[in-house]
Protein backbone atom coordinates (compact mmCIF):
# COMPACT_ATOMS: atom_id res chain seq x y z
CA UNK A 1 29.73 -5.25 24.60
CA UNK A 2 26.94 -6.15 22.18
CA UNK A 3 26.87 -5.88 18.44
CA UNK A 4 23.87 -5.15 16.30
CA UNK A 5 24.83 -7.75 13.71
CA UNK A 6 23.09 -10.58 15.57
CA UNK A 7 20.08 -8.58 16.76
CA UNK A 8 16.84 -9.84 15.20
CA UNK A 9 14.60 -7.34 13.47
CA UNK A 10 11.55 -6.50 15.58
CA UNK A 11 8.05 -6.77 14.18
CA UNK A 12 7.53 -3.01 14.06
CA UNK A 13 10.76 -2.51 12.14
CA UNK A 14 9.75 -5.18 9.65
CA UNK A 15 6.33 -3.57 9.16
CA UNK A 16 8.05 -0.24 8.65
CA UNK A 17 10.29 -1.66 5.95
CA UNK A 18 7.32 -3.34 4.27
CA UNK A 19 5.31 -0.11 4.37
CA UNK A 20 8.22 1.88 2.92
CA UNK A 21 8.62 -0.68 0.14
CA UNK A 22 4.89 -0.59 -0.58
CA UNK A 23 4.82 3.20 -0.81
CA UNK A 24 7.84 3.20 -3.11
CA UNK A 25 6.29 0.55 -5.32
CA UNK A 26 2.99 2.43 -5.40
CA UNK A 27 4.64 5.67 -6.52
CA UNK A 28 6.78 3.91 -9.13
CA UNK A 29 3.78 2.11 -10.60
CA UNK A 30 1.73 5.29 -10.63
CA UNK A 31 4.41 7.08 -12.64
CA UNK A 32 4.48 4.26 -15.19
CA UNK A 33 0.69 4.09 -15.46
CA UNK A 34 0.29 7.86 -15.82
CA UNK A 35 2.92 7.95 -18.54
CA UNK A 36 1.29 5.09 -20.44
CA UNK A 37 -2.12 6.68 -19.93
CA UNK A 38 -0.99 9.84 -21.65
CA UNK A 39 0.16 7.82 -24.66
CA UNK A 40 -3.05 5.77 -25.03
CA UNK A 41 -6.74 6.56 -25.40
CA UNK A 42 -7.46 6.44 -21.67
CA UNK A 43 -9.59 9.30 -20.42
CA UNK A 44 -9.09 11.19 -17.17
CA UNK A 45 -11.93 9.14 -15.68
CA UNK A 46 -10.20 5.89 -16.65
CA UNK A 47 -6.97 7.07 -15.04
CA UNK A 48 -8.80 8.08 -11.86
CA UNK A 49 -10.54 4.70 -11.71
CA UNK A 50 -7.22 2.91 -12.11
CA UNK A 51 -5.51 5.03 -9.48
CA UNK A 52 -8.17 4.87 -6.79
CA UNK A 53 -9.49 1.40 -7.62
CA UNK A 54 -6.10 -0.30 -7.33
CA UNK A 55 -5.29 1.67 -4.17
CA UNK A 56 -8.60 0.64 -2.61
CA UNK A 57 -8.00 -3.02 -3.45
CA UNK A 58 -4.51 -2.85 -2.00
CA UNK A 59 -5.76 -1.21 1.22
CA UNK A 60 -8.79 -3.49 1.68
CA UNK A 61 -7.00 -6.31 3.56
CA UNK A 62 -5.44 -3.82 5.97
CA UNK A 63 -8.78 -2.09 6.60
CA UNK A 64 -10.55 -5.39 7.19
CA UNK A 65 -7.84 -6.58 9.56
CA UNK A 66 -7.87 -3.34 11.55
CA UNK A 67 -11.66 -3.35 11.68
CA UNK A 68 -11.72 -6.91 12.98
CA UNK A 69 -9.09 -6.21 15.62
CA UNK A 70 -10.65 -2.94 16.80
CA UNK A 71 -14.08 -4.36 17.59
CA UNK A 72 -15.90 -2.06 15.19
CA UNK A 73 -17.59 -5.02 13.51
CA UNK A 74 -19.91 -5.26 16.53
CA UNK A 75 -21.27 -1.79 15.80
CA UNK A 76 -22.33 -2.55 12.24
């Protein structure tokens, strides 16, 4: 009879928890930024630049890693 208390967390499970935490953090930060943007002199263009610019910077390491591992860098 085995118990799950001593079972190590697999890599996929860990990545899933990290992804869930990242999504939750992203949504929470977006709510705070949008609320503060409505109270300041930021324009809609400034808010869009903040939203998509920060998301692009956060996704850049993942995209570069996947590109390197997929072999697509040989096509460029």
